[in-house]
Amino acid sequence: MGGIGVPELAIILVILLLLFGGKKLPGLASSIGTSLKEFRKATDDAEQDDAGEDAPSTSDPDAER
């Protein structure tokens, strides 16, 4: 019970070609790639923000008053 193999990917590609056609498929793939890139960037930024909040403060609490 492994992951998706070559035969499964071929079937998915054929279904996508039937649904969207050959002309629209490159644009669809490009927009999906752009969306994934922005999603990864947003999650990386959120992880960095969370890591910054968890870091102990080195400033003197009395100095902030």
C-alpha atoms as a PDB file:
ATOM      1  CA  MET A   1       0.000   0.000   0.000  1.00  0.00           C
ATOM      2  CA  GLY A   2       2.385   2.647  -1.228  1.00  0.00           C
ATOM      3  CA  GLY A   3       1.889   6.083  -2.626  1.00  0.00           C
ATOM      4  CA  ILE A   4       0.822   7.147  -6.068  1.00  0.00           C
ATOM      5  CA  GLY A   5       2.679   5.293  -8.819  1.00  0.00           C
ATOM      6  CA  VAL A   6       3.202   5.940 -12.508  1.00  0.00           C
ATOM      7  CA  PRO A   7      -0.021   4.222 -13.662  1.00  0.00           C
ATOM      8  CA  GLU A   8      -2.107   6.287 -11.253  1.00  0.00           C
ATOM      9  CA  LEU A   9      -0.436   9.518 -12.382  1.00  0.00           C
ATOM     10  CA  ALA A  10      -1.123   8.613 -16.013  1.00  0.00           C
ATOM     11  CA  ILE A  11      -4.801   8.038 -15.259  1.00  0.00           C
ATOM     12  CA  ILE A  12      -5.024  11.369 -13.415  1.00  0.00           C
ATOM     13  CA  LEU A  13      -3.352  13.145 -16.364  1.00  0.00           C
ATOM     14  CA  VAL A  14      -5.808  11.625 -18.832  1.00  0.00           C
ATOM     15  CA  ILE A  15      -8.764  12.677 -16.678  1.00  0.00           C
ATOM     16  CA  LEU A  16      -7.387  16.223 -16.415  1.00  0.00           C
ATOM     17  CA  LEU A  17      -6.919  16.382 -20.186  1.00  0.00           C
ATOM     18  CA  LEU A  18     -10.513  15.267 -20.696  1.00  0.00           C
ATOM     19  CA  LEU A  19     -11.873  17.779 -18.185  1.00  0.00           C
ATOM     20  CA  PHE A  20      -9.854  20.867 -19.084  1.00  0.00           C
ATOM     21  CA  GLY A  21      -8.440  20.239 -22.554  1.00  0.00           C
ATOM     22  CA  GLY A  22      -4.899  20.581 -23.780  1.00  0.00           C
ATOM     23  CA  LYS A  23      -4.969  24.363 -24.136  1.00  0.00           C
ATOM     24  CA  LYS A  24      -6.067  25.177 -20.590  1.00  0.00           C
ATOM     25  CA  LEU A  25      -3.921  22.598 -18.782  1.00  0.00           C
ATOM     26  CA  PRO A  26      -0.597  24.568 -18.823  1.00  0.00           C
ATOM     27  CA  GLY A  27      -2.307  27.660 -17.417  1.00  0.00           C
ATOM     28  CA  LEU A  28      -4.003  25.582 -14.741  1.00  0.00           C
ATOM     29  CA  ALA A  29      -0.705  23.955 -13.754  1.00  0.00           C
ATOM     30  CA  SER A  30       0.976  27.351 -13.600  1.00  0.00           C
ATOM     31  CA  SER A  31      -1.685  28.832 -11.342  1.00  0.00           C
ATOM     32  CA  ILE A  32      -1.566  25.793  -9.045  1.00  0.00           C
ATOM     33  CA  GLY A  33       2.225  26.126  -8.821  1.00  0.00           C
ATOM     34  CA  THR A  34       1.973  29.818  -7.987  1.00  0.00           C
ATOM     35  CA  SER A  35      -0.636  29.108  -5.327  1.00  0.00           C
ATOM     36  CA  LEU A  36       1.519  26.421  -3.718  1.00  0.00           C
ATOM     37  CA  LYS A  37       4.546  28.727  -3.739  1.00  0.00           C
ATOM     38  CA  GLU A  38       2.617  31.492  -1.968  1.00  0.00           C
ATOM     39  CA  PHE A  39       1.110  29.005   0.511  1.00  0.00           C
ATOM     40  CA  ARG A  40       4.569  27.684   1.423  1.00  0.00           C
ATOM     41  CA  LYS A  41       5.874  31.234   1.829  1.00  0.00           C
ATOM     42  CA  ALA A  42       2.970  32.116   4.123  1.00  0.00           C
ATOM     43  CA  THR A  43       3.465  29.007   6.263  1.00  0.00           C
ATOM     44  CA  ASP A  44       7.208  29.663   6.514  1.00  0.00           C
ATOM     45  CA  ASP A  45       6.506  33.254   7.586  1.00  0.00           C
ATOM     46  CA  ALA A  46       3.989  32.055  10.170  1.00  0.00           C
ATOM     47  CA  GLU A  47       6.478  29.533  11.562  1.00  0.00           C
ATOM     48  CA  GLN A  48       9.138  32.244  11.834  1.00  0.00           C
ATOM     49  CA  ASP A  49       6.676  34.531  13.620  1.00  0.00           C
ATOM     50  CA  ASP A  50       5.746  31.756  16.051  1.00  0.00           C
ATOM     51  CA  ALA A  51       9.404  30.982  16.701  1.00  0.00           C
ATOM     52  CA  GLY A  52      10.043  34.657  17.443  1.00  0.00           C
ATOM     53  CA  GLU A  53       7.198  34.804  19.972  1.00  0.00           C
ATOM     54  CA  ASP A  54       8.425  31.699  21.823  1.00  0.00           C
ATOM     55  CA  ALA A  55      11.928  33.074  22.288  1.00  0.00           C
ATOM     56  CA  PRO A  56      12.635  34.326  25.793  1.00  0.00           C
ATOM     57  CA  SER A  57      12.905  38.046  26.172  1.00  0.00           C
ATOM     58  CA  THR A  58      16.361  39.350  27.092  1.00  0.00           C
ATOM     59  CA  SER A  59      15.176  42.853  27.935  1.00  0.00           C
ATOM     60  CA  ASP A  60      14.634  44.063  31.476  1.00  0.00           C
ATOM     61  CA  PRO A  61      10.879  44.177  32.253  1.00  0.00           C
ATOM     62  CA  ASP A  62      11.389  47.302  34.367  1.00  0.00           C
ATOM     63  CA  ALA A  63      12.981  49.148  31.450  1.00  0.00           C
ATOM     64  CA  GLU A  64       9.757  48.916  29.442  1.00  0.00           C
ATOM     65  CA  ARG A  65       7.806  50.954  31.973  1.00  0.00           C
END
